[in-house]
Amino acid sequence: MKRILGYAAALLASLSLAGVAATSARADGDAANAASGQNTRILNDNPTGDANSSSPANDNANASAPSSSSSSAAESSSVNKPQKPAKKPGKKPAKKPAKKPAKKVTSAKKMRGRLHYRKDSRKVLFQKGRKGAKVVLRNAKGQFVKKFDVKHNGKFILKLSRKEALKLGKYRKHFTFTVAEKGYKAYTVRYLIYK
């Protein structure tokens, strides 16, 4: 029973807070309309200038009376537009953490070709490989040949298919490989082709 009463009390409190917020938002909207000069325009429309007509109650009655002009009817409808609720100043959207600038790999640690690559050879020798690096092979014209991940640190051999080997050595006397490692800027190395 206490739990049900607690739920009812919480519901009642939330509804009353919503009513207070709506009332204050409405009051803010009315104050903004009054500051914009709409009430003074209605006062200037009154040709007699009576003291009774200058009261705010009569101004509202004149604006909503059926005998008033069509412009005052349009004004009364524009006054009754719903106002946007005020933004809560509390929480701001969370900012994304700033990315750390990528480090540049020193030339001593860059992956290199080992020995010489012979034209149309199916084995490519590399040295100074780092585990997890992603490598993309391209021929001299920049055409994609093969993409692979380095499995372990140090020296390793990459085996190509016959088609890949022909495509790699097809143009000019070199090919390139681009190495991308996590936390480092990607770099491109030129590998000479010997006959």
C-alpha atoms as a PDB file:
ATOM      1  CA  MET A   1       0.000   0.000   0.000  1.00  0.00           C
ATOM      2  CA  LYS A   2       2.857   2.365   0.875  1.00  0.00           C
ATOM      3  CA  ARG A   3       4.448   1.669  -2.497  1.00  0.00           C
ATOM      4  CA  ILE A   4       1.231   2.618  -4.347  1.00  0.00           C
ATOM      5  CA  LEU A   5       0.897   5.811  -2.316  1.00  0.00           C
ATOM      6  CA  GLY A   6       4.544   6.630  -3.085  1.00  0.00           C
ATOM      7  CA  TYR A   7       3.913   6.183  -6.814  1.00  0.00           C
ATOM      8  CA  ALA A   8       0.798   8.359  -6.616  1.00  0.00           C
ATOM      9  CA  ALA A   9       2.688  11.084  -4.722  1.00  0.00           C
ATOM     10  CA  ALA A  10       5.516  11.027  -7.278  1.00  0.00           C
ATOM     11  CA  LEU A  11       3.024  11.271 -10.143  1.00  0.00           C
ATOM     12  CA  LEU A  12       1.239  14.179  -8.474  1.00  0.00           C
ATOM     13  CA  ALA A  13       4.548  15.996  -7.864  1.00  0.00           C
ATOM     14  CA  SER A  14       5.685  15.561 -11.481  1.00  0.00           C
ATOM     15  CA  LEU A  15       2.339  16.820 -12.806  1.00  0.00           C
ATOM     16  CA  SER A  16       2.450  19.882 -10.568  1.00  0.00           C
ATOM     17  CA  LEU A  17       6.019  20.659 -11.693  1.00  0.00           C
ATOM     18  CA  ALA A  18       4.932  20.361 -15.325  1.00  0.00           C
ATOM     19  CA  GLY A  19       2.063  22.770 -14.651  1.00  0.00           C
ATOM     20  CA  VAL A  20       4.394  25.287 -13.000  1.00  0.00           C
ATOM     21  CA  ALA A  21       6.821  25.053 -15.927  1.00  0.00           C
ATOM     22  CA  ALA A  22       4.019  25.545 -18.453  1.00  0.00           C
ATOM     23  CA  THR A  23       2.648  28.524 -16.540  1.00  0.00           C
ATOM     24  CA  SER A  24       6.060  30.191 -16.269  1.00  0.00           C
ATOM     25  CA  ALA A  25       6.729  29.597 -19.979  1.00  0.00           C
ATOM     26  CA  ARG A  26       3.361  31.162 -20.834  1.00  0.00           C
ATOM     27  CA  ALA A  27       4.114  34.134 -18.582  1.00  0.00           C
ATOM     28  CA  ASP A  28       7.505  34.612 -20.256  1.00  0.00           C
ATOM     29  CA  GLY A  29       5.817  34.559 -23.665  1.00  0.00           C
ATOM     30  CA  ASP A  30       3.228  37.150 -22.613  1.00  0.00           C
ATOM     31  CA  ALA A  31       5.960  39.402 -21.235  1.00  0.00           C
ATOM     32  CA  ALA A  32       7.838  39.155 -24.534  1.00  0.00           C
ATOM     33  CA  ASN A  33       4.693  40.098 -26.476  1.00  0.00           C
ATOM     34  CA  ALA A  34       4.082  43.078 -24.202  1.00  0.00           C
ATOM     35  CA  ALA A  35       7.652  44.271 -24.681  1.00  0.00           C
ATOM     36  CA  SER A  36       7.331  44.045 -28.471  1.00  0.00           C
ATOM     37  CA  GLY A  37       4.697  46.785 -28.545  1.00  0.00           C
ATOM     38  CA  GLN A  38       1.550  44.917 -29.560  1.00  0.00           C
ATOM     39  CA  ASN A  39      -0.541  46.357 -26.693  1.00  0.00           C
ATOM     40  CA  THR A  40       0.403  49.949 -27.550  1.00  0.00           C
ATOM     41  CA  ARG A  41      -0.822  49.445 -31.096  1.00  0.00           C
ATOM     42  CA  ILE A  42      -4.269  48.477 -29.810  1.00  0.00           C
ATOM     43  CA  LEU A  43      -4.308  51.601 -27.630  1.00  0.00           C
ATOM     44  CA  ASN A  44      -3.527  53.817 -30.621  1.00  0.00           C
ATOM     45  CA  ASP A  45      -6.429  52.277 -32.584  1.00  0.00           C
ATOM     46  CA  ASN A  46      -8.913  53.626 -30.023  1.00  0.00           C
ATOM     47  CA  PRO A  47     -10.165  56.966 -31.469  1.00  0.00           C
ATOM     48  CA  THR A  48     -11.958  58.225 -28.321  1.00  0.00           C
ATOM     49  CA  GLY A  49      -9.029  57.943 -25.912  1.00  0.00           C
ATOM     50  CA  ASP A  50     -11.300  57.105 -22.924  1.00  0.00           C
ATOM     51  CA  ALA A  51      -9.665  56.249 -19.610  1.00  0.00           C
ATOM     52  CA  ASN A  52     -11.737  53.035 -19.457  1.00  0.00           C
ATOM     53  CA  SER A  53     -10.417  51.820 -22.786  1.00  0.00           C
ATOM     54  CA  SER A  54      -6.777  52.162 -21.722  1.00  0.00           C
ATOM     55  CA  SER A  55      -7.066  49.404 -19.107  1.00  0.00           C
ATOM     56  CA  PRO A  56      -5.496  46.060 -20.073  1.00  0.00           C
ATOM     57  CA  ALA A  57      -8.798  44.223 -19.578  1.00  0.00           C
ATOM     58  CA  ASN A  58     -10.526  46.425 -22.155  1.00  0.00           C
ATOM     59  CA  ASP A  59      -7.594  46.058 -24.549  1.00  0.00           C
ATOM     60  CA  ASN A  60      -7.985  42.291 -24.516  1.00  0.00           C
ATOM     61  CA  ALA A  61     -11.762  42.622 -24.884  1.00  0.00           C
ATOM     62  CA  ASN A  62     -11.350  44.980 -27.850  1.00  0.00           C
ATOM     63  CA  ALA A  63      -8.899  42.639 -29.527  1.00  0.00           C
ATOM     64  CA  SER A  64     -11.208  39.650 -29.214  1.00  0.00           C
ATOM     65  CA  ALA A  65     -14.520  41.444 -29.930  1.00  0.00           C
ATOM     66  CA  PRO A  66     -16.281  40.382 -33.145  1.00  0.00           C
ATOM     67  CA  SER A  67     -16.909  44.020 -34.189  1.00  0.00           C
ATOM     68  CA  SER A  68     -13.195  44.810 -34.378  1.00  0.00           C
ATOM     69  CA  SER A  69     -11.385  44.950 -37.708  1.00  0.00           C
ATOM     70  CA  SER A  70      -9.855  41.933 -39.436  1.00  0.00           C
ATOM     71  CA  SER A  71      -6.341  43.153 -38.588  1.00  0.00           C
ATOM     72  CA  SER A  72      -7.052  42.963 -34.852  1.00  0.00           C
ATOM     73  CA  ALA A  73      -8.451  39.445 -35.356  1.00  0.00           C
ATOM     74  CA  ALA A  74      -5.224  38.490 -37.091  1.00  0.00           C
ATOM     75  CA  GLU A  75      -3.222  40.026 -34.237  1.00  0.00           C
ATOM     76  CA  SER A  76      -5.187  38.101 -31.614  1.00  0.00           C
ATOM     77  CA  SER A  77      -4.576  34.844 -33.454  1.00  0.00           C
ATOM     78  CA  SER A  78      -0.844  35.601 -33.719  1.00  0.00           C
ATOM     79  CA  VAL A  79      -0.711  36.411 -30.003  1.00  0.00           C
ATOM     80  CA  ASN A  80      -2.167  33.013 -29.111  1.00  0.00           C
ATOM     81  CA  LYS A  81       0.562  31.007 -30.899  1.00  0.00           C
ATOM     82  CA  PRO A  82       2.199  28.490 -28.556  1.00  0.00           C
ATOM     83  CA  GLN A  83       5.575  29.571 -27.239  1.00  0.00           C
ATOM     84  CA  LYS A  84       8.624  27.313 -27.269  1.00  0.00           C
ATOM     85  CA  PRO A  85       9.565  26.094 -23.795  1.00  0.00           C
ATOM     86  CA  ALA A  86      12.709  27.606 -22.349  1.00  0.00           C
ATOM     87  CA  LYS A  87      15.854  25.479 -22.607  1.00  0.00           C
ATOM     88  CA  LYS A  88      17.179  23.987 -19.417  1.00  0.00           C
ATOM     89  CA  PRO A  89      20.616  25.411 -18.664  1.00  0.00           C
ATOM     90  CA  GLY A  90      21.736  22.238 -16.869  1.00  0.00           C
ATOM     91  CA  LYS A  91      23.336  19.627 -19.104  1.00  0.00           C
ATOM     92  CA  LYS A  92      25.448  20.227 -22.196  1.00  0.00           C
ATOM     93  CA  PRO A  93      26.045  17.535 -24.807  1.00  0.00           C
ATOM     94  CA  ALA A  94      29.160  15.510 -24.125  1.00  0.00           C
ATOM     95  CA  LYS A  95      32.182  16.466 -26.189  1.00  0.00           C
ATOM     96  CA  LYS A  96      34.110  13.812 -28.048  1.00  0.00           C
ATOM     97  CA  PRO A  97      37.602  13.297 -26.710  1.00  0.00           C
ATOM     98  CA  ALA A  98      40.204  15.059 -28.804  1.00  0.00           C
ATOM     99  CA  LYS A  99      42.213  12.802 -31.073  1.00  0.00           C
ATOM    100  CA  LYS A 100      45.892  12.594 -30.312  1.00  0.00           C
ATOM    101  CA  PRO A 101      48.025  13.685 -33.227  1.00  0.00           C
ATOM    102  CA  ALA A 102      49.542  10.715 -35.038  1.00  0.00           C
ATOM    103  CA  LYS A 103      53.270  10.221 -34.559  1.00  0.00           C
ATOM    104  CA  LYS A 104      55.652  10.064 -37.468  1.00  0.00           C
ATOM    105  CA  VAL A 105      57.618   6.828 -37.851  1.00  0.00           C
ATOM    106  CA  THR A 106      61.348   7.511 -37.817  1.00  0.00           C
ATOM    107  CA  SER A 107      63.254   6.440 -40.915  1.00  0.00           C
ATOM    108  CA  ALA A 108      65.250   3.902 -38.891  1.00  0.00           C
ATOM    109  CA  LYS A 109      62.034   2.057 -37.940  1.00  0.00           C
ATOM    110  CA  LYS A 110      60.293   2.160 -41.318  1.00  0.00           C
ATOM    111  CA  MET A 111      59.560  -1.127 -43.067  1.00  0.00           C
ATOM    112  CA  ARG A 112      61.791  -1.767 -46.081  1.00  0.00           C
ATOM    113  CA  GLY A 113      62.381  -4.102 -48.936  1.00  0.00           C
ATOM    114  CA  ARG A 114      65.117  -6.676 -48.307  1.00  0.00           C
ATOM    115  CA  LEU A 115      67.738  -7.528 -50.916  1.00  0.00           C
ATOM    116  CA  HIS A 116      66.404  -7.082 -54.473  1.00  0.00           C
ATOM    117  CA  TYR A 117      63.061  -7.839 -56.078  1.00  0.00           C
ATOM    118  CA  ARG A 118      63.429  -9.534 -59.448  1.00  0.00           C
ATOM    119  CA  LYS A 119      60.847  -8.764 -62.127  1.00  0.00           C
ATOM    120  CA  ASP A 120      57.862 -11.159 -62.117  1.00  0.00           C
ATOM    121  CA  SER A 121      59.136 -12.927 -58.982  1.00  0.00           C
ATOM    122  CA  ARG A 122      56.406 -14.388 -56.785  1.00  0.00           C
ATOM    123  CA  LYS A 123      58.286 -13.698 -53.527  1.00  0.00           C
ATOM    124  CA  VAL A 124      58.741 -10.225 -52.077  1.00  0.00           C
ATOM    125  CA  LEU A 125      61.228  -9.896 -49.191  1.00  0.00           C
ATOM    126  CA  PHE A 126      60.615  -7.333 -46.433  1.00  0.00           C
ATOM    127  CA  GLN A 127      62.465  -6.324 -43.281  1.00  0.00           C
ATOM    128  CA  LYS A 128      61.690  -4.270 -40.156  1.00  0.00           C
ATOM    129  CA  GLY A 129      58.042  -5.278 -40.247  1.00  0.00           C
ATOM    130  CA  ARG A 130      55.909  -4.521 -37.188  1.00  0.00           C
ATOM    131  CA  LYS A 131      53.125  -6.822 -36.106  1.00  0.00           C
ATOM    132  CA  GLY A 132      49.638  -5.464 -36.890  1.00  0.00           C
ATOM    133  CA  ALA A 133      50.739  -3.049 -39.625  1.00  0.00           C
ATOM    134  CA  LYS A 134      48.507  -2.954 -42.706  1.00  0.00           C
ATOM    135  CA  VAL A 135      50.351  -2.887 -46.032  1.00  0.00           C
ATOM    136  CA  VAL A 136      49.022  -2.096 -49.524  1.00  0.00           C
ATOM    137  CA  LEU A 137      51.073  -2.981 -52.617  1.00  0.00           C
ATOM    138  CA  ARG A 138      50.629  -0.847 -55.755  1.00  0.00           C
ATOM    139  CA  ASN A 139      52.428  -0.906 -59.084  1.00  0.00           C
ATOM    140  CA  ALA A 140      54.218   2.125 -60.605  1.00  0.00           C
ATOM    141  CA  LYS A 141      50.942   3.485 -62.044  1.00  0.00           C
ATOM    142  CA  GLY A 142      49.278   3.333 -58.610  1.00  0.00           C
ATOM    143  CA  GLN A 143      47.052   0.346 -59.426  1.00  0.00           C
ATOM    144  CA  PHE A 144      46.129  -1.829 -56.445  1.00  0.00           C
ATOM    145  CA  VAL A 145      47.865  -5.225 -56.381  1.00  0.00           C
ATOM    146  CA  LYS A 146      47.509  -6.715 -52.892  1.00  0.00           C
ATOM    147  CA  LYS A 147      46.641  -5.815 -49.298  1.00  0.00           C
ATOM    148  CA  PHE A 148      47.908  -7.754 -46.260  1.00  0.00           C
ATOM    149  CA  ASP A 149      48.593  -7.525 -42.508  1.00  0.00           C
ATOM    150  CA  VAL A 150      52.031  -8.100 -41.001  1.00  0.00           C
ATOM    151  CA  LYS A 151      51.872 -11.211 -38.784  1.00  0.00           C
ATOM    152  CA  HIS A 152      55.098 -10.784 -36.764  1.00  0.00           C
ATOM    153  CA  ASN A 153      57.983  -8.347 -36.183  1.00  0.00           C
ATOM    154  CA  GLY A 154      61.163  -8.445 -38.257  1.00  0.00           C
ATOM    155  CA  LYS A 155      61.887 -10.089 -41.611  1.00  0.00           C
ATOM    156  CA  PHE A 156      59.202 -11.863 -43.608  1.00  0.00           C
ATOM    157  CA  ILE A 157      58.397 -13.069 -47.108  1.00  0.00           C
ATOM    158  CA  LEU A 158      55.203 -12.220 -48.994  1.00  0.00           C
ATOM    159  CA  LYS A 159      54.072 -14.749 -51.579  1.00  0.00           C
ATOM    160  CA  LEU A 160      52.175 -13.440 -54.587  1.00  0.00           C
ATOM    161  CA  SER A 161      50.051 -15.230 -57.155  1.00  0.00           C
ATOM    162  CA  ARG A 162      51.345 -15.301 -60.721  1.00  0.00           C
ATOM    163  CA  LYS A 163      48.769 -12.714 -61.799  1.00  0.00           C
ATOM    164  CA  GLU A 164      49.720 -10.363 -58.911  1.00  0.00           C
ATOM    165  CA  ALA A 165      53.443 -10.738 -59.700  1.00  0.00           C
ATOM    166  CA  LEU A 166      52.881  -9.813 -63.354  1.00  0.00           C
ATOM    167  CA  LYS A 167      50.748  -6.806 -62.400  1.00  0.00           C
ATOM    168  CA  LEU A 168      53.299  -5.627 -59.796  1.00  0.00           C
ATOM    169  CA  GLY A 169      56.208  -5.475 -62.264  1.00  0.00           C
ATOM    170  CA  LYS A 170      54.243  -4.450 -65.345  1.00  0.00           C
ATOM    171  CA  TYR A 171      55.124  -0.720 -65.523  1.00  0.00           C
ATOM    172  CA  ARG A 172      58.509   0.971 -65.093  1.00  0.00           C
ATOM    173  CA  LYS A 173      61.258  -0.123 -62.722  1.00  0.00           C
ATOM    174  CA  HIS A 174      59.671   0.192 -59.298  1.00  0.00           C
ATOM    175  CA  PHE A 175      56.541  -0.444 -57.221  1.00  0.00           C
ATOM    176  CA  THR A 176      55.332   1.112 -53.961  1.00  0.00           C
ATOM    177  CA  PHE A 177      53.951  -0.171 -50.700  1.00  0.00           C
ATOM    178  CA  THR A 178      52.062   1.939 -48.165  1.00  0.00           C
ATOM    179  CA  VAL A 179      52.302   1.009 -44.483  1.00  0.00           C
ATOM    180  CA  ALA A 180      49.649   2.072 -41.947  1.00  0.00           C
ATOM    181  CA  GLU A 181      50.182   1.415 -38.234  1.00  0.00           C
ATOM    182  CA  LYS A 182      47.889   2.326 -35.360  1.00  0.00           C
ATOM    183  CA  GLY A 183      48.902   5.635 -33.779  1.00  0.00           C
ATOM    184  CA  TYR A 184      51.324   6.520 -36.594  1.00  0.00           C
ATOM    185  CA  LYS A 185      51.049   8.389 -39.871  1.00  0.00           C
ATOM    186  CA  ALA A 186      50.948   6.167 -42.940  1.00  0.00           C
ATOM    187  CA  TYR A 187      54.054   6.212 -45.100  1.00  0.00           C
ATOM    188  CA  THR A 188      54.883   5.011 -48.606  1.00  0.00           C
ATOM    189  CA  VAL A 189      58.115   3.282 -49.641  1.00  0.00           C
ATOM    190  CA  ARG A 190      59.453   2.781 -53.163  1.00  0.00           C
ATOM    191  CA  TYR A 191      60.875  -0.668 -53.976  1.00  0.00           C
ATOM    192  CA  LEU A 192      63.141  -1.016 -57.062  1.00  0.00           C
ATOM    193  CA  ILE A 193      62.630  -3.849 -59.543  1.00  0.00           C
ATOM    194  CA  TYR A 194      65.702  -5.571 -60.985  1.00  0.00           C
ATOM    195  CA  LYS A 195      65.701  -7.645 -64.163  1.00  0.00           C
END
